[in-house]
N, C-alpha and C. Protein backbone atom coordinates (compact mmCIF):
# COMPACT_ATOMS: atom_id res chain seq x y z
N MET A 1 0.84 -1.17 0.00
CA MET A 1 0.00 0.00 0.00
C MET A 1 0.89 1.24 0.00
N ARG A 2 0.51 2.22 -0.80
CA ARG A 2 1.26 3.47 -0.87
C ARG A 2 0.55 4.54 -0.05
N PHE A 3 1.33 5.48 0.40
CA PHE A 3 0.79 6.60 1.15
C PHE A 3 1.26 7.90 0.51
N LEU A 4 0.46 8.94 0.67
CA LEU A 4 0.82 10.27 0.21
C LEU A 4 0.93 11.17 1.43
N THR A 5 1.92 12.02 1.46
CA THR A 5 2.08 12.97 2.56
C THR A 5 1.45 14.29 2.15
N ILE A 6 0.55 14.79 3.01
CA ILE A 6 -0.07 16.08 2.76
C ILE A 6 0.17 16.98 3.97
N THR A 7 0.05 18.28 3.75
CA THR A 7 0.25 19.26 4.82
C THR A 7 -1.04 20.03 5.03
N CYS A 8 -1.48 20.12 6.25
CA CYS A 8 -2.71 20.82 6.60
C CYS A 8 -2.55 22.32 6.34
N PRO A 9 -3.52 22.94 5.64
CA PRO A 9 -3.44 24.37 5.38
C PRO A 9 -3.80 25.23 6.59
N PHE A 10 -4.24 24.61 7.67
CA PHE A 10 -4.60 25.33 8.89
C PHE A 10 -3.46 25.32 9.91
N CYS A 11 -2.99 24.12 10.27
CA CYS A 11 -1.98 24.01 11.33
C CYS A 11 -0.58 23.69 10.79
N TRP A 12 -0.46 23.45 9.49
CA TRP A 12 0.81 23.19 8.80
C TRP A 12 1.51 21.91 9.24
N GLN A 13 0.78 20.99 9.86
CA GLN A 13 1.35 19.70 10.21
C GLN A 13 1.19 18.75 9.03
N SER A 14 2.17 17.90 8.82
CA SER A 14 2.12 16.91 7.75
C SER A 14 1.70 15.56 8.30
N PHE A 15 0.95 14.83 7.49
CA PHE A 15 0.55 13.47 7.84
C PHE A 15 0.29 12.70 6.56
N GLU A 16 0.14 11.39 6.68
CA GLU A 16 -0.04 10.54 5.50
C GLU A 16 -1.49 10.12 5.34
N ILE A 17 -1.89 9.99 4.07
CA ILE A 17 -3.20 9.43 3.75
C ILE A 17 -2.96 8.26 2.80
N ASP A 18 -3.91 7.33 2.74
CA ASP A 18 -3.82 6.23 1.78
C ASP A 18 -3.85 6.78 0.37
N SER A 19 -2.99 6.26 -0.48
CA SER A 19 -2.95 6.71 -1.87
C SER A 19 -3.98 5.94 -2.67
N PRO A 20 -4.90 6.67 -3.33
CA PRO A 20 -5.82 5.97 -4.22
C PRO A 20 -5.04 5.39 -5.39
N SER A 21 -5.61 4.44 -6.08
CA SER A 21 -4.97 3.84 -7.24
C SER A 21 -4.92 4.84 -8.38
N PHE A 22 -4.00 4.58 -9.33
CA PHE A 22 -3.88 5.44 -10.50
C PHE A 22 -5.22 5.56 -11.19
N ASP A 23 -5.54 6.77 -11.62
CA ASP A 23 -6.76 7.03 -12.38
C ASP A 23 -6.44 8.14 -13.36
N GLU A 24 -6.93 8.03 -14.57
CA GLU A 24 -6.68 9.07 -15.56
C GLU A 24 -7.39 10.36 -15.21
N GLN A 25 -8.45 10.28 -14.44
CA GLN A 25 -9.20 11.47 -14.02
C GLN A 25 -8.68 11.93 -12.66
N PRO A 26 -8.64 13.24 -12.43
CA PRO A 26 -8.25 13.73 -11.10
C PRO A 26 -9.24 13.24 -10.04
N ILE A 27 -8.73 13.01 -8.86
CA ILE A 27 -9.56 12.58 -7.74
C ILE A 27 -9.62 13.72 -6.74
N GLU A 28 -10.81 13.99 -6.22
CA GLU A 28 -10.97 15.03 -5.21
C GLU A 28 -11.66 14.39 -4.01
N LEU A 29 -11.08 14.62 -2.84
CA LEU A 29 -11.68 14.08 -1.63
C LEU A 29 -11.60 15.11 -0.52
N ILE A 30 -12.47 14.98 0.44
CA ILE A 30 -12.46 15.85 1.61
C ILE A 30 -12.07 14.99 2.80
N THR A 31 -11.07 15.45 3.54
CA THR A 31 -10.60 14.72 4.71
C THR A 31 -10.33 15.71 5.83
N ASP A 32 -10.32 15.21 7.05
CA ASP A 32 -10.01 16.05 8.20
C ASP A 32 -8.54 15.89 8.57
N CYS A 33 -7.94 16.98 9.02
CA CYS A 33 -6.56 16.93 9.50
C CYS A 33 -6.48 15.99 10.70
N GLU A 34 -5.45 15.17 10.74
CA GLU A 34 -5.27 14.26 11.87
C GLU A 34 -4.82 14.98 13.13
N VAL A 35 -4.36 16.22 13.00
CA VAL A 35 -3.86 16.97 14.15
C VAL A 35 -4.92 17.95 14.68
N CYS A 36 -5.41 18.86 13.81
CA CYS A 36 -6.36 19.89 14.28
C CYS A 36 -7.82 19.58 13.93
N CYS A 37 -8.06 18.52 13.17
CA CYS A 37 -9.40 18.03 12.83
C CYS A 37 -10.21 18.95 11.91
N ARG A 38 -9.58 19.93 11.29
CA ARG A 38 -10.31 20.82 10.38
C ARG A 38 -10.36 20.20 8.99
N PRO A 39 -11.45 20.42 8.25
CA PRO A 39 -11.60 19.78 6.94
C PRO A 39 -10.79 20.45 5.84
N MET A 40 -10.33 19.65 4.90
CA MET A 40 -9.58 20.15 3.76
C MET A 40 -9.94 19.35 2.52
N THR A 41 -9.79 19.97 1.36
CA THR A 41 -10.00 19.31 0.08
C THR A 41 -8.65 18.90 -0.47
N VAL A 42 -8.55 17.65 -0.89
CA VAL A 42 -7.31 17.12 -1.46
C VAL A 42 -7.61 16.72 -2.91
N ARG A 43 -6.85 17.28 -3.86
CA ARG A 43 -6.97 16.92 -5.27
C ARG A 43 -5.70 16.17 -5.68
N ILE A 44 -5.92 15.01 -6.29
CA ILE A 44 -4.80 14.16 -6.70
C ILE A 44 -4.89 13.95 -8.21
N THR A 45 -3.81 14.27 -8.92
CA THR A 45 -3.79 14.15 -10.38
C THR A 45 -2.53 13.39 -10.78
N TRP A 46 -2.71 12.38 -11.63
CA TRP A 46 -1.58 11.61 -12.15
C TRP A 46 -1.31 11.98 -13.59
N ARG A 47 -0.04 12.08 -13.94
CA ARG A 47 0.35 12.25 -15.34
C ARG A 47 0.52 10.88 -16.00
N SER A 48 1.05 9.91 -15.23
CA SER A 48 1.19 8.54 -15.71
C SER A 48 1.31 7.63 -14.49
N PRO A 49 1.07 6.34 -14.66
CA PRO A 49 1.15 5.42 -13.52
C PRO A 49 2.56 5.33 -12.93
N ALA A 50 3.58 5.62 -13.72
CA ALA A 50 4.96 5.48 -13.25
C ALA A 50 5.43 6.70 -12.44
N GLU A 51 4.72 7.81 -12.54
CA GLU A 51 5.13 9.03 -11.85
C GLU A 51 4.35 9.23 -10.56
N GLU A 52 4.93 10.05 -9.69
CA GLU A 52 4.23 10.44 -8.47
C GLU A 52 3.10 11.40 -8.85
N PRO A 53 1.98 11.35 -8.16
CA PRO A 53 0.88 12.26 -8.49
C PRO A 53 1.15 13.68 -8.00
N GLU A 54 0.46 14.63 -8.62
CA GLU A 54 0.46 16.00 -8.13
C GLU A 54 -0.63 16.09 -7.07
N ILE A 55 -0.33 16.78 -5.97
CA ILE A 55 -1.28 16.87 -4.86
C ILE A 55 -1.52 18.35 -4.55
N GLU A 56 -2.77 18.74 -4.49
CA GLU A 56 -3.16 20.08 -4.09
C GLU A 56 -4.04 19.96 -2.84
N VAL A 57 -3.76 20.77 -1.85
CA VAL A 57 -4.54 20.75 -0.60
C VAL A 57 -5.06 22.17 -0.35
N GLU A 58 -6.36 22.28 -0.12
CA GLU A 58 -6.98 23.57 0.17
C GLU A 58 -7.86 23.46 1.40
N ALA A 59 -7.97 24.57 2.13
CA ALA A 59 -8.88 24.60 3.27
C ALA A 59 -10.31 24.48 2.77
N GLU A 60 -11.09 23.66 3.42
CA GLU A 60 -12.51 23.51 3.11
C GLU A 60 -13.29 24.53 3.91
N SER A 61 -14.17 25.29 3.25
CA SER A 61 -14.90 26.31 4.00
C SER A 61 -16.18 25.78 4.60
C-alpha cells in the first residue's frame, strides 16, 4: 500500500493518507486533518502510472 504525505493548510502539520490507485481522471476528496481536525479538500492528479501524483490541498470552508 502506498501513502501520500499532505500538509494541513490550517496548522501546517504533515501526515499521511492512503494513496488511491492510478486514475486518468483527477480525484478530489475531503478529509479532516489528523492533528487539528479541520476539513480540507485534497486533489490528486496523475500524469502517468509510473510518476508520483500532483497533490493540491486547500482549506474547506
